[in-house]
Amino acid sequence: GFYHGVASGDPLTDRVILWTRYTPVSSGDSVNLELRIAEVDPDIPIDSHLDPDANGNIMIARIETGTSSDYVAKVDVLGLK
């Protein structure tokens, strides 16, 4: 699970680096994580912004992490407004 939160760094006007550490159920397994980012749209209910069926403007990143990185996942998010 996510017991460590999410951190950010090196913010620029159109990008930011995000990272987190995932704690797996059993050590040794690689884990596939998914990051979803969406611009707030007043015409979409706030709890639906990250639902691809309700919002077609979602940026999705898939990150694999495992023991070699101590389950730390890092992504450079580009194209922000």
N, C-alpha and C. Protein backbone atom coordinates (compact mmCIF):
# COMPACT_ATOMS: atom_id res chain seq x y z
N GLY A 1 0.80 -1.18 0.00
CA GLY A 1 0.00 0.00 0.00
C GLY A 1 0.85 1.25 0.00
N PHE A 2 0.18 2.37 -0.04
CA PHE A 2 0.85 3.67 -0.04
C PHE A 2 0.87 4.22 1.38
N TYR A 3 1.97 3.98 2.08
CA TYR A 3 2.11 4.45 3.45
C TYR A 3 3.02 5.67 3.54
N HIS A 4 3.64 6.07 2.43
CA HIS A 4 4.66 7.11 2.46
C HIS A 4 4.25 8.41 1.79
N GLY A 5 3.07 8.49 1.21
CA GLY A 5 2.64 9.70 0.55
C GLY A 5 3.31 9.89 -0.81
N VAL A 6 3.13 11.07 -1.37
CA VAL A 6 3.70 11.43 -2.66
C VAL A 6 4.50 12.71 -2.47
N ALA A 7 5.67 12.77 -3.09
CA ALA A 7 6.51 13.96 -3.03
C ALA A 7 6.68 14.52 -4.43
N SER A 8 7.05 15.80 -4.50
CA SER A 8 7.29 16.42 -5.79
C SER A 8 8.58 17.22 -5.72
N GLY A 9 9.15 17.46 -6.89
CA GLY A 9 10.38 18.24 -6.95
C GLY A 9 10.61 18.80 -8.33
N ASP A 10 11.52 19.74 -8.42
CA ASP A 10 11.91 20.39 -9.67
C ASP A 10 10.71 20.90 -10.46
N PRO A 11 9.78 21.64 -9.81
CA PRO A 11 8.62 22.13 -10.56
C PRO A 11 9.00 23.23 -11.54
N LEU A 12 8.45 23.14 -12.71
CA LEU A 12 8.56 24.19 -13.72
C LEU A 12 7.14 24.54 -14.17
N THR A 13 6.98 25.46 -15.06
CA THR A 13 5.64 25.88 -15.46
C THR A 13 4.86 24.78 -16.15
N ASP A 14 5.54 23.82 -16.78
CA ASP A 14 4.85 22.78 -17.54
C ASP A 14 5.22 21.36 -17.14
N ARG A 15 5.93 21.20 -16.03
CA ARG A 15 6.35 19.86 -15.63
C ARG A 15 6.70 19.80 -14.15
N VAL A 16 6.70 18.59 -13.61
CA VAL A 16 7.10 18.36 -12.22
C VAL A 16 7.50 16.89 -12.09
N ILE A 17 8.41 16.60 -11.20
CA ILE A 17 8.78 15.22 -10.91
C ILE A 17 8.00 14.77 -9.67
N LEU A 18 7.34 13.63 -9.78
CA LEU A 18 6.60 13.05 -8.66
C LEU A 18 7.23 11.71 -8.30
N TRP A 19 7.24 11.40 -7.01
CA TRP A 19 7.70 10.08 -6.61
C TRP A 19 7.01 9.64 -5.34
N THR A 20 7.00 8.34 -5.16
CA THR A 20 6.39 7.73 -3.98
C THR A 20 7.06 6.39 -3.73
N ARG A 21 6.79 5.82 -2.60
CA ARG A 21 7.27 4.46 -2.30
C ARG A 21 6.05 3.61 -1.99
N TYR A 22 6.00 2.46 -2.64
CA TYR A 22 4.90 1.52 -2.45
C TYR A 22 5.39 0.39 -1.54
N THR A 23 4.56 -0.04 -0.62
CA THR A 23 4.88 -1.17 0.24
C THR A 23 4.09 -2.38 -0.24
N PRO A 24 4.78 -3.37 -0.85
CA PRO A 24 4.06 -4.52 -1.41
C PRO A 24 3.59 -5.49 -0.33
N VAL A 25 2.63 -6.32 -0.69
CA VAL A 25 2.12 -7.34 0.23
C VAL A 25 3.23 -8.34 0.54
N SER A 26 3.96 -8.77 -0.50
CA SER A 26 5.07 -9.69 -0.28
C SER A 26 6.29 -9.17 -1.01
N SER A 27 7.40 -9.11 -0.30
CA SER A 27 8.64 -8.60 -0.86
C SER A 27 9.13 -9.50 -1.98
N GLY A 28 9.76 -8.92 -2.96
CA GLY A 28 10.28 -9.68 -4.08
C GLY A 28 9.43 -9.57 -5.32
N ASP A 29 8.18 -9.22 -5.16
CA ASP A 29 7.29 -9.06 -6.31
C ASP A 29 7.50 -7.69 -6.93
N SER A 30 7.49 -7.61 -8.26
CA SER A 30 7.45 -6.29 -8.89
C SER A 30 6.01 -5.82 -8.86
N VAL A 31 5.83 -4.51 -8.89
CA VAL A 31 4.51 -3.91 -8.76
C VAL A 31 4.31 -2.93 -9.91
N ASN A 32 3.15 -2.96 -10.53
CA ASN A 32 2.79 -2.01 -11.57
C ASN A 32 1.85 -0.97 -10.97
N LEU A 33 2.27 0.29 -11.04
CA LEU A 33 1.48 1.39 -10.49
C LEU A 33 0.94 2.24 -11.64
N GLU A 34 -0.13 2.94 -11.37
CA GLU A 34 -0.72 3.82 -12.37
C GLU A 34 -0.93 5.20 -11.77
N LEU A 35 -0.43 6.22 -12.46
CA LEU A 35 -0.62 7.60 -12.07
C LEU A 35 -1.61 8.24 -13.03
N ARG A 36 -2.63 8.90 -12.48
CA ARG A 36 -3.62 9.60 -13.30
C ARG A 36 -3.64 11.06 -12.90
N ILE A 37 -3.57 11.93 -13.92
CA ILE A 37 -3.61 13.37 -13.68
C ILE A 37 -4.63 13.97 -14.64
N ALA A 38 -5.47 14.85 -14.11
CA ALA A 38 -6.49 15.49 -14.94
C ALA A 38 -6.64 16.95 -14.54
N GLU A 39 -6.85 17.80 -15.52
CA GLU A 39 -7.15 19.20 -15.26
C GLU A 39 -8.58 19.27 -14.71
N VAL A 40 -8.80 20.15 -13.76
CA VAL A 40 -10.14 20.31 -13.19
C VAL A 40 -11.07 20.90 -14.25
N ASP A 41 -12.19 20.24 -14.44
CA ASP A 41 -13.20 20.68 -15.40
C ASP A 41 -14.50 20.90 -14.62
N PRO A 42 -15.01 22.12 -14.59
CA PRO A 42 -16.21 22.39 -13.79
C PRO A 42 -17.45 21.64 -14.26
N ASP A 43 -17.41 21.08 -15.48
CA ASP A 43 -18.56 20.34 -15.99
C ASP A 43 -18.54 18.87 -15.59
N ILE A 44 -17.48 18.43 -14.92
CA ILE A 44 -17.36 17.03 -14.49
C ILE A 44 -17.39 16.99 -12.96
N PRO A 45 -18.20 16.13 -12.36
CA PRO A 45 -18.19 16.02 -10.90
C PRO A 45 -16.78 15.73 -10.40
N ILE A 46 -16.37 16.35 -9.31
CA ILE A 46 -15.00 16.26 -8.82
C ILE A 46 -14.56 14.82 -8.58
N ASP A 47 -15.47 13.95 -8.14
CA ASP A 47 -15.09 12.56 -7.89
C ASP A 47 -14.98 11.74 -9.17
N SER A 48 -15.26 12.34 -10.32
CA SER A 48 -15.16 11.62 -11.60
C SER A 48 -13.97 12.06 -12.45
N HIS A 49 -13.20 13.02 -11.98
CA HIS A 49 -12.10 13.55 -12.79
C HIS A 49 -11.07 12.49 -13.21
N LEU A 50 -10.83 11.51 -12.36
CA LEU A 50 -9.81 10.51 -12.67
C LEU A 50 -10.39 9.23 -13.26
N ASP A 51 -11.66 9.26 -13.60
CA ASP A 51 -12.34 8.12 -14.22
C ASP A 51 -12.29 8.27 -15.74
N PRO A 52 -11.56 7.38 -16.44
CA PRO A 52 -11.46 7.51 -17.90
C PRO A 52 -12.81 7.44 -18.62
N ASP A 53 -13.80 6.81 -18.01
CA ASP A 53 -15.12 6.74 -18.64
C ASP A 53 -15.86 8.07 -18.56
N ALA A 54 -15.48 8.92 -17.61
CA ALA A 54 -16.16 10.20 -17.43
C ALA A 54 -15.34 11.38 -17.95
N ASN A 55 -14.03 11.17 -18.09
CA ASN A 55 -13.14 12.28 -18.48
C ASN A 55 -12.15 11.78 -19.52
N GLY A 56 -12.24 12.31 -20.72
CA GLY A 56 -11.33 11.90 -21.79
C GLY A 56 -10.01 12.63 -21.80
N ASN A 57 -9.81 13.57 -20.86
CA ASN A 57 -8.58 14.35 -20.83
C ASN A 57 -7.68 13.98 -19.65
N ILE A 58 -7.46 12.70 -19.46
CA ILE A 58 -6.62 12.21 -18.37
C ILE A 58 -5.26 11.82 -18.92
N MET A 59 -4.21 12.25 -18.22
CA MET A 59 -2.86 11.76 -18.52
C MET A 59 -2.63 10.57 -17.61
N ILE A 60 -2.24 9.45 -18.21
CA ILE A 60 -2.01 8.22 -17.44
C ILE A 60 -0.58 7.77 -17.66
N ALA A 61 0.13 7.50 -16.56
CA ALA A 61 1.48 6.95 -16.62
C ALA A 61 1.47 5.63 -15.87
N ARG A 62 2.08 4.63 -16.45
CA ARG A 62 2.22 3.33 -15.79
C ARG A 62 3.68 3.13 -15.44
N ILE A 63 3.94 2.79 -14.19
CA ILE A 63 5.29 2.67 -13.69
C ILE A 63 5.45 1.31 -13.03
N GLU A 64 6.50 0.58 -13.41
CA GLU A 64 6.82 -0.68 -12.74
C GLU A 64 7.93 -0.42 -11.75
N THR A 65 7.78 -0.91 -10.55
CA THR A 65 8.80 -0.76 -9.52
C THR A 65 9.01 -2.09 -8.81
N GLY A 66 10.11 -2.21 -8.13
CA GLY A 66 10.42 -3.47 -7.47
C GLY A 66 11.58 -3.33 -6.49
N THR A 67 12.18 -4.45 -6.18
CA THR A 67 13.24 -4.46 -5.16
C THR A 67 14.46 -3.66 -5.57
N SER A 68 14.77 -3.58 -6.86
CA SER A 68 15.98 -2.86 -7.28
C SER A 68 15.91 -1.37 -6.95
N SER A 69 14.71 -0.81 -6.84
CA SER A 69 14.55 0.60 -6.48
C SER A 69 13.91 0.76 -5.10
N ASP A 70 13.88 -0.34 -4.33
CA ASP A 70 13.22 -0.34 -3.02
C ASP A 70 11.77 0.12 -3.13
N TYR A 71 11.15 -0.24 -4.24
CA TYR A 71 9.73 0.05 -4.51
C TYR A 71 9.45 1.55 -4.60
N VAL A 72 10.46 2.34 -4.94
CA VAL A 72 10.26 3.77 -5.19
C VAL A 72 9.91 3.94 -6.65
N ALA A 73 8.86 4.70 -6.92
CA ALA A 73 8.44 4.99 -8.28
C ALA A 73 8.58 6.48 -8.52
N LYS A 74 9.17 6.85 -9.65
CA LYS A 74 9.40 8.25 -9.98
C LYS A 74 8.99 8.50 -11.41
N VAL A 75 8.30 9.62 -11.65
CA VAL A 75 7.88 9.95 -13.00
C VAL A 75 8.04 11.46 -13.22
N ASP A 76 8.52 11.82 -14.39
CA ASP A 76 8.64 13.22 -14.80
C ASP A 76 7.37 13.55 -15.58
N VAL A 77 6.46 14.30 -14.97
CA VAL A 77 5.18 14.62 -15.59
C VAL A 77 5.36 15.86 -16.47
N LEU A 78 5.11 15.68 -17.75
CA LEU A 78 5.30 16.76 -18.74
C LEU A 78 3.95 17.24 -19.27
N GLY A 79 3.93 18.41 -19.86
CA GLY A 79 2.73 18.90 -20.53
C GLY A 79 1.68 19.49 -19.62
N LEU A 80 2.08 19.93 -18.42
CA LEU A 80 1.12 20.52 -17.50
C LEU A 80 0.76 21.93 -17.95
N LYS A 81 -0.42 22.38 -17.56
CA LYS A 81 -0.87 23.74 -17.90
C LYS A 81 -0.89 24.59 -16.66
